Amino acid sequence: MKNLLFTVVVLLMSSSAMAQNKVDLVFEVGAACGMCESRIEAAYDVKGIISADFDLDTHMLHVVYKTKQFPDTIDVHRLAANVGHDTDLIKATDEVYSNLHQCCKYRKETTQCSGDHDDHDHDHE
């Protein structure tokens, strides 16, 4: 009986040590077109991100992530900012933003895509 109890305790401890806290987070991200959507979702294809889905119509990003790799929420926001997209907590640097294709310049009041580039994924509102 003691051995069974010990085994159960060891199994419970090891399973709780292996379990990681997951966070389900939704936040706003600046974007203008389908290229932006692809870029944002690709930025979240890293260890610790379980899923990331950006909705271009609402500009909301739904991310599920592990707190072991991302202990602070700002680090999750920083992934979008690092590829040129502002979030409701962090702004992309002007240098990174300026490197976005003209079609992806979401900070302007009106964004017009000329279609004169090789990327073919344009979903405008």
Protein backbone atom coordinates (compact mmCIF):
# COMPACT_ATOMS: atom_id res chain seq x y z
CA MET A 1 0.00 0.00 0.00
CA LYS A 2 2.87 2.37 0.83
CA ASN A 3 4.47 1.67 -2.54
CA LEU A 4 1.21 2.39 -4.34
CA LEU A 5 0.76 5.66 -2.47
CA PHE A 6 4.36 6.64 -3.19
CA THR A 7 3.90 5.86 -6.90
CA VAL A 8 0.73 7.93 -7.09
CA VAL A 9 2.42 10.89 -5.37
CA VAL A 10 5.42 10.69 -7.71
CA LEU A 11 3.16 10.54 -10.78
CA LEU A 12 1.13 13.53 -9.61
CA MET A 13 4.26 15.56 -8.92
CA SER A 14 5.82 14.74 -12.28
CA SER A 15 2.64 15.50 -14.21
CA SER A 16 2.20 18.85 -12.49
CA ALA A 17 5.85 19.69 -13.13
CA MET A 18 5.38 18.88 -16.82
CA ALA A 19 2.18 20.89 -17.08
CA GLN A 20 2.78 24.47 -18.07
CA ASN A 21 0.46 27.35 -17.59
CA LYS A 22 -1.20 28.45 -20.79
CA VAL A 23 -2.64 31.88 -21.41
CA ASP A 24 -5.37 32.72 -23.89
CA LEU A 25 -4.91 36.33 -24.98
CA VAL A 26 -6.74 38.58 -27.46
CA PHE A 27 -5.42 42.02 -28.37
CA GLU A 28 -5.49 44.60 -31.15
CA VAL A 29 -2.77 44.74 -33.80
CA GLY A 30 -2.42 47.37 -36.53
CA ALA A 31 -2.59 45.97 -40.06
CA ALA A 32 -3.79 46.89 -43.54
CA CYS A 33 -3.87 43.84 -45.82
CA GLY A 34 -3.46 40.12 -46.25
CA MET A 35 0.32 40.46 -46.38
CA CYS A 36 0.13 41.98 -42.89
CA GLU A 37 -2.00 39.07 -41.70
CA SER A 38 0.52 36.55 -43.01
CA ARG A 39 3.45 38.45 -41.51
CA ILE A 40 1.79 38.76 -38.10
CA GLU A 41 0.83 35.09 -37.91
CA ALA A 42 4.31 34.03 -39.07
CA ALA A 43 5.86 36.12 -36.26
CA TYR A 44 4.04 33.88 -33.78
CA ASP A 45 5.42 30.66 -35.21
CA VAL A 46 7.93 30.31 -32.37
CA LYS A 47 8.51 28.00 -29.41
CA GLY A 48 6.01 28.66 -26.66
CA ILE A 49 3.22 29.87 -28.93
CA ILE A 50 0.54 27.21 -29.16
CA SER A 51 -1.65 29.06 -31.66
CA ALA A 52 -2.04 32.50 -33.20
CA ASP A 53 -4.89 33.67 -35.40
CA PHE A 54 -5.19 37.22 -36.70
CA ASP A 55 -8.55 38.56 -37.91
CA LEU A 56 -7.92 41.29 -40.47
CA ASP A 57 -11.51 42.56 -40.28
CA THR A 58 -11.40 43.25 -36.54
CA HIS A 59 -7.61 43.71 -36.22
CA MET A 60 -7.69 41.33 -33.26
CA LEU A 61 -5.04 38.69 -32.66
CA HIS A 62 -5.92 35.61 -30.64
CA VAL A 63 -2.83 33.96 -29.13
CA VAL A 64 -2.51 30.94 -26.87
CA TYR A 65 0.93 30.68 -25.34
CA LYS A 66 2.97 29.04 -22.59
CA THR A 67 4.03 31.23 -19.71
CA LYS A 68 7.32 29.36 -19.39
CA GLN A 69 8.57 30.93 -22.65
CA PHE A 70 6.56 34.15 -22.28
CA PRO A 71 6.33 35.05 -18.58
CA ASP A 72 5.31 38.64 -19.36
CA THR A 73 2.43 39.60 -21.67
CA ILE A 74 4.48 42.43 -23.19
CA ASP A 75 6.80 39.80 -24.68
CA VAL A 76 3.86 38.36 -26.63
CA HIS A 77 2.98 41.84 -27.93
CA ARG A 78 6.62 42.44 -28.83
CA LEU A 79 6.50 39.63 -31.44
CA ALA A 80 4.09 41.71 -33.54
CA ALA A 81 6.00 44.95 -32.95
CA ASN A 82 9.25 43.29 -34.02
CA VAL A 83 7.79 42.73 -37.50
CA GLY A 84 6.36 46.25 -37.79
CA HIS A 85 2.89 46.04 -36.27
CA ASP A 86 1.69 48.16 -33.36
CA THR A 87 -0.36 46.53 -30.61
CA ASP A 88 -2.44 48.12 -27.91
CA LEU A 89 0.55 47.81 -25.53
CA ILE A 90 3.63 48.37 -27.67
CA LYS A 91 4.46 50.38 -30.78
CA ALA A 92 6.74 49.06 -33.51
CA THR A 93 9.87 51.12 -34.01
CA ASP A 94 9.72 53.63 -36.84
CA GLU A 95 12.67 51.86 -38.47
CA VAL A 96 10.89 48.49 -38.61
CA TYR A 97 7.59 50.10 -39.63
CA SER A 98 9.27 52.02 -42.47
CA ASN A 99 10.51 48.73 -43.93
CA LEU A 100 6.96 47.48 -44.48
CA HIS A 101 5.67 47.50 -48.04
CA GLN A 102 3.72 50.67 -48.88
CA CYS A 103 0.54 48.59 -49.00
CA CYS A 104 1.06 47.64 -45.33
CA LYS A 105 1.36 51.19 -43.94
CA TYR A 106 -1.60 50.98 -41.59
CA ARG A 107 -0.72 54.12 -39.58
CA LYS A 108 -1.99 56.37 -42.36
CA GLU A 109 -5.65 57.39 -42.41
CA THR A 110 -6.16 55.96 -45.89
CA THR A 111 -4.20 53.02 -47.21
CA GLN A 112 -4.26 52.36 -50.91
CA CYS A 113 -2.62 49.31 -52.38
CA SER A 114 -1.31 49.90 -55.87
CA GLY A 115 -0.87 46.19 -56.50
CA ASP A 116 2.53 46.85 -58.09
CA HIS A 117 4.46 44.27 -56.09
CA ASP A 118 5.01 40.54 -56.27
CA ASP A 119 3.06 39.61 -53.15
CA HIS A 120 -0.35 38.33 -54.13
CA ASP A 121 -2.30 38.17 -50.88
CA HIS A 122 -4.33 41.37 -50.58
CA ASP A 123 -7.48 41.30 -48.53
CA HIS A 124 -8.61 44.89 -48.16
CA GLU A 125 -11.63 45.99 -46.24
